[in-house]
Amino acid sequence: MRIKDVIRAKASQEVVTIGPDATVRELVALLAEHNVGALVVSEDGERVTGIVSERDVVRRLHADTGVLDSPVRSIMTADVRTCAGEDALTDLMQTMTEHRIRHVPVVADGRLTGIISIGDVVKNRIGELEFERDQLDHYVHQT
């Protein structure tokens, strides 16, 4: 299974981005509006500058309540792990586990083409296991 197959199966392939100079308050509004857990930080909507998640906001908010008026760049992760559509899903699962990350931008030729979350990976894996179960059940109950 490839990353592109998982992306294709998503209900929406839209990738919501935010500029690095937007405020954390604007970030929180976009997270809520789009019901997502992370946004790709991008100057132009195509190149990945960083990534920022709900977890980043909560961790900073605990220490500094004024963070809501700070720029997104102050809390984003700049060293972003990315993947390509042709990458194997098992490799992505290993990367997510090793680096304890839940969202990975998908890029092609340096341009953002999608984002994959741990929820997308789990949903896909459950689908694969259900298919295997059904096939085994059919095999066992054949007459």
C-alpha atoms as a PDB file:
ATOM      1  CA  MET A   1       0.000   0.000   0.000  1.00  0.00           C
ATOM      2  CA  ARG A   2       1.281   3.448  -0.951  1.00  0.00           C
ATOM      3  CA  ILE A   3       0.670   6.850   0.645  1.00  0.00           C
ATOM      4  CA  LYS A   4      -1.151   8.011  -2.492  1.00  0.00           C
ATOM      5  CA  ASP A   5      -3.703   5.203  -2.054  1.00  0.00           C
ATOM      6  CA  VAL A   6      -4.533   6.365   1.458  1.00  0.00           C
ATOM      7  CA  ILE A   7      -4.770  10.003   0.337  1.00  0.00           C
ATOM      8  CA  ARG A   8      -7.121   9.013  -2.495  1.00  0.00           C
ATOM      9  CA  ALA A   9      -9.419   7.223  -0.023  1.00  0.00           C
ATOM     10  CA  LYS A  10      -9.791  10.268   2.234  1.00  0.00           C
ATOM     11  CA  ALA A  11     -13.130  12.068   2.276  1.00  0.00           C
ATOM     12  CA  SER A  12     -11.293  15.296   1.455  1.00  0.00           C
ATOM     13  CA  GLN A  13      -7.860  15.807  -0.029  1.00  0.00           C
ATOM     14  CA  GLU A  14      -7.883  19.493   0.943  1.00  0.00           C
ATOM     15  CA  VAL A  15      -4.780  20.624   2.807  1.00  0.00           C
ATOM     16  CA  VAL A  16      -5.357  23.629   5.028  1.00  0.00           C
ATOM     17  CA  THR A  17      -2.307  25.856   5.390  1.00  0.00           C
ATOM     18  CA  ILE A  18      -1.481  28.910   7.447  1.00  0.00           C
ATOM     19  CA  GLY A  19       1.214  31.525   7.014  1.00  0.00           C
ATOM     20  CA  PRO A  20       4.033  31.720   9.560  1.00  0.00           C
ATOM     21  CA  ASP A  21       3.145  35.322  10.442  1.00  0.00           C
ATOM     22  CA  ALA A  22      -0.517  34.561  11.229  1.00  0.00           C
ATOM     23  CA  THR A  23      -1.372  34.603  14.922  1.00  0.00           C
ATOM     24  CA  VAL A  24      -1.843  31.511  17.014  1.00  0.00           C
ATOM     25  CA  ARG A  25      -5.398  32.789  17.607  1.00  0.00           C
ATOM     26  CA  GLU A  26      -6.011  32.573  13.827  1.00  0.00           C
ATOM     27  CA  LEU A  27      -4.480  29.102  13.855  1.00  0.00           C
ATOM     28  CA  VAL A  28      -6.867  27.932  16.574  1.00  0.00           C
ATOM     29  CA  ALA A  29      -9.819  29.291  14.570  1.00  0.00           C
ATOM     30  CA  LEU A  30      -8.714  27.392  11.439  1.00  0.00           C
ATOM     31  CA  LEU A  31      -8.162  24.171  13.384  1.00  0.00           C
ATOM     32  CA  ALA A  32     -11.715  24.425  14.733  1.00  0.00           C
ATOM     33  CA  GLU A  33     -13.264  25.540  11.443  1.00  0.00           C
ATOM     34  CA  HIS A  34     -11.781  22.630   9.494  1.00  0.00           C
ATOM     35  CA  ASN A  35     -11.959  20.111  12.363  1.00  0.00           C
ATOM     36  CA  VAL A  36      -8.304  19.102  11.959  1.00  0.00           C
ATOM     37  CA  GLY A  37      -5.498  18.521  14.432  1.00  0.00           C
ATOM     38  CA  ALA A  38      -2.655  20.198  12.557  1.00  0.00           C
ATOM     39  CA  LEU A  39      -1.959  22.693   9.802  1.00  0.00           C
ATOM     40  CA  VAL A  40       0.936  22.918   7.409  1.00  0.00           C
ATOM     41  CA  VAL A  41       2.718  26.263   7.719  1.00  0.00           C
ATOM     42  CA  SER A  42       3.422  27.705   4.297  1.00  0.00           C
ATOM     43  CA  GLU A  43       4.215  31.112   2.843  1.00  0.00           C
ATOM     44  CA  ASP A  44       2.550  30.304  -0.492  1.00  0.00           C
ATOM     45  CA  GLY A  45       0.357  27.257   0.118  1.00  0.00           C
ATOM     46  CA  GLU A  46       2.774  25.047  -1.820  1.00  0.00           C
ATOM     47  CA  ARG A  47       6.124  24.952  -0.023  1.00  0.00           C
ATOM     48  CA  VAL A  48       6.283  23.493   3.497  1.00  0.00           C
ATOM     49  CA  THR A  49       7.777  25.937   6.004  1.00  0.00           C
ATOM     50  CA  GLY A  50       6.633  24.076   9.114  1.00  0.00           C
ATOM     51  CA  ILE A  51       3.811  22.246  10.795  1.00  0.00           C
ATOM     52  CA  VAL A  52       1.812  23.177  13.865  1.00  0.00           C
ATOM     53  CA  SER A  53      -0.637  21.073  15.851  1.00  0.00           C
ATOM     54  CA  GLU A  54      -3.183  21.423  18.618  1.00  0.00           C
ATOM     55  CA  ARG A  55      -0.602  19.863  20.903  1.00  0.00           C
ATOM     56  CA  ASP A  56       1.878  22.666  20.092  1.00  0.00           C
ATOM     57  CA  VAL A  57      -0.732  25.244  21.062  1.00  0.00           C
ATOM     58  CA  VAL A  58      -1.691  23.540  24.320  1.00  0.00           C
ATOM     59  CA  ARG A  59       1.901  23.068  25.439  1.00  0.00           C
ATOM     60  CA  ARG A  60       2.731  26.726  24.829  1.00  0.00           C
ATOM     61  CA  LEU A  61      -0.556  28.013  26.217  1.00  0.00           C
ATOM     62  CA  HIS A  62       0.134  26.273  29.497  1.00  0.00           C
ATOM     63  CA  ALA A  63       3.398  28.167  29.900  1.00  0.00           C
ATOM     64  CA  ASP A  64       2.370  31.471  28.281  1.00  0.00           C
ATOM     65  CA  THR A  65      -1.259  32.600  28.033  1.00  0.00           C
ATOM     66  CA  GLY A  66      -0.166  35.440  25.750  1.00  0.00           C
ATOM     67  CA  VAL A  67       0.859  32.974  23.054  1.00  0.00           C
ATOM     68  CA  LEU A  68      -2.482  33.431  21.265  1.00  0.00           C
ATOM     69  CA  ASP A  69      -1.262  36.776  19.948  1.00  0.00           C
ATOM     70  CA  SER A  70       2.146  35.414  18.923  1.00  0.00           C
ATOM     71  CA  PRO A  71       2.989  34.420  15.348  1.00  0.00           C
ATOM     72  CA  VAL A  72       2.569  30.790  14.347  1.00  0.00           C
ATOM     73  CA  ARG A  73       6.293  30.618  13.569  1.00  0.00           C
ATOM     74  CA  SER A  74       6.977  30.910  17.323  1.00  0.00           C
ATOM     75  CA  ILE A  75       5.357  27.532  18.058  1.00  0.00           C
ATOM     76  CA  MET A  76       5.642  25.612  14.776  1.00  0.00           C
ATOM     77  CA  THR A  77       7.965  22.711  14.119  1.00  0.00           C
ATOM     78  CA  ALA A  78      10.355  23.840  11.389  1.00  0.00           C
ATOM     79  CA  ASP A  79      12.122  20.495  10.896  1.00  0.00           C
ATOM     80  CA  VAL A  80       9.197  18.767   9.193  1.00  0.00           C
ATOM     81  CA  ARG A  81       9.157  15.090   8.310  1.00  0.00           C
ATOM     82  CA  THR A  82       7.504  14.668   4.930  1.00  0.00           C
ATOM     83  CA  CYS A  83       6.687  11.758   2.676  1.00  0.00           C
ATOM     84  CA  ALA A  84       5.933  11.192  -0.998  1.00  0.00           C
ATOM     85  CA  GLY A  85       2.866   9.632  -2.539  1.00  0.00           C
ATOM     86  CA  GLU A  86       4.937   6.723  -3.802  1.00  0.00           C
ATOM     87  CA  ASP A  87       6.311   5.908  -0.320  1.00  0.00           C
ATOM     88  CA  ALA A  88       5.182   2.699   1.348  1.00  0.00           C
ATOM     89  CA  LEU A  89       2.609   3.102   4.088  1.00  0.00           C
ATOM     90  CA  THR A  90       4.627   0.775   6.341  1.00  0.00           C
ATOM     91  CA  ASP A  91       7.593   3.165   6.112  1.00  0.00           C
ATOM     92  CA  LEU A  92       5.377   6.077   7.111  1.00  0.00           C
ATOM     93  CA  MET A  93       3.981   4.097  10.046  1.00  0.00           C
ATOM     94  CA  GLN A  94       7.528   3.460  11.243  1.00  0.00           C
ATOM     95  CA  THR A  95       8.446   7.157  10.886  1.00  0.00           C
ATOM     96  CA  MET A  96       5.343   8.249  12.800  1.00  0.00           C
ATOM     97  CA  THR A  97       6.096   5.786  15.594  1.00  0.00           C
ATOM     98  CA  GLU A  98       9.815   6.528  15.864  1.00  0.00           C
ATOM     99  CA  HIS A  99       9.388  10.300  15.854  1.00  0.00           C
ATOM    100  CA  ARG A 100       6.093  10.385  17.771  1.00  0.00           C
ATOM    101  CA  ILE A 101       4.334  12.458  15.140  1.00  0.00           C
ATOM    102  CA  ARG A 102       0.696  12.336  14.093  1.00  0.00           C
ATOM    103  CA  HIS A 103       0.628  14.388  10.899  1.00  0.00           C
ATOM    104  CA  VAL A 104       2.944  14.191   7.897  1.00  0.00           C
ATOM    105  CA  PRO A 105       2.757  16.448   4.840  1.00  0.00           C
ATOM    106  CA  VAL A 106       2.906  14.693   1.474  1.00  0.00           C
ATOM    107  CA  VAL A 107       5.120  16.433  -1.074  1.00  0.00           C
ATOM    108  CA  ALA A 108       6.033  15.985  -4.730  1.00  0.00           C
ATOM    109  CA  ASP A 109       8.842  17.985  -6.326  1.00  0.00           C
ATOM    110  CA  GLY A 110       9.009  20.168  -3.213  1.00  0.00           C
ATOM    111  CA  ARG A 111       5.315  21.068  -3.408  1.00  0.00           C
ATOM    112  CA  LEU A 112       2.627  20.181  -0.901  1.00  0.00           C
ATOM    113  CA  THR A 113       0.150  17.670  -2.330  1.00  0.00           C
ATOM    114  CA  GLY A 114      -1.561  16.316   0.779  1.00  0.00           C
ATOM    115  CA  ILE A 115      -1.342  15.527   4.451  1.00  0.00           C
ATOM    116  CA  ILE A 116      -1.728  12.186   6.150  1.00  0.00           C
ATOM    117  CA  SER A 117      -2.649  11.707   9.784  1.00  0.00           C
ATOM    118  CA  ILE A 118      -2.330   8.791  12.142  1.00  0.00           C
ATOM    119  CA  GLY A 119      -6.130   8.554  11.924  1.00  0.00           C
ATOM    120  CA  ASP A 120      -5.873   8.060   8.156  1.00  0.00           C
ATOM    121  CA  VAL A 121      -3.292   5.315   8.697  1.00  0.00           C
ATOM    122  CA  VAL A 122      -5.370   3.539  11.344  1.00  0.00           C
ATOM    123  CA  LYS A 123      -8.550   3.736   9.241  1.00  0.00           C
ATOM    124  CA  ASN A 124      -6.690   2.215   6.307  1.00  0.00           C
ATOM    125  CA  ARG A 125      -5.196  -0.548   8.427  1.00  0.00           C
ATOM    126  CA  ILE A 126      -8.588  -1.438   9.902  1.00  0.00           C
ATOM    127  CA  GLY A 127      -9.989  -1.669   6.379  1.00  0.00           C
ATOM    128  CA  GLU A 128      -7.187  -4.021   5.356  1.00  0.00           C
ATOM    129  CA  LEU A 129      -7.729  -6.239   8.408  1.00  0.00           C
ATOM    130  CA  GLU A 130     -11.492  -6.395   7.820  1.00  0.00           C
ATOM    131  CA  PHE A 131     -10.891  -7.419   4.200  1.00  0.00           C
ATOM    132  CA  GLU A 132      -8.455 -10.157   5.295  1.00  0.00           C
ATOM    133  CA  ARG A 133     -10.921 -11.386   7.921  1.00  0.00           C
ATOM    134  CA  ASP A 134     -13.721 -11.541   5.357  1.00  0.00           C
ATOM    135  CA  GLN A 135     -11.519 -13.437   2.915  1.00  0.00           C
ATOM    136  CA  LEU A 136     -10.486 -15.961   5.595  1.00  0.00           C
ATOM    137  CA  ASP A 137     -14.078 -16.344   6.733  1.00  0.00           C
ATOM    138  CA  HIS A 138     -15.164 -17.005   3.168  1.00  0.00           C
ATOM    139  CA  TYR A 139     -12.364 -19.542   2.702  1.00  0.00           C
ATOM    140  CA  VAL A 140     -13.183 -21.397   5.939  1.00  0.00           C
ATOM    141  CA  HIS A 141     -16.919 -21.535   5.245  1.00  0.00           C
ATOM    142  CA  GLN A 142     -16.686 -22.593   1.598  1.00  0.00           C
ATOM    143  CA  THR A 143     -18.489 -25.792   0.753  1.00  0.00           C
END
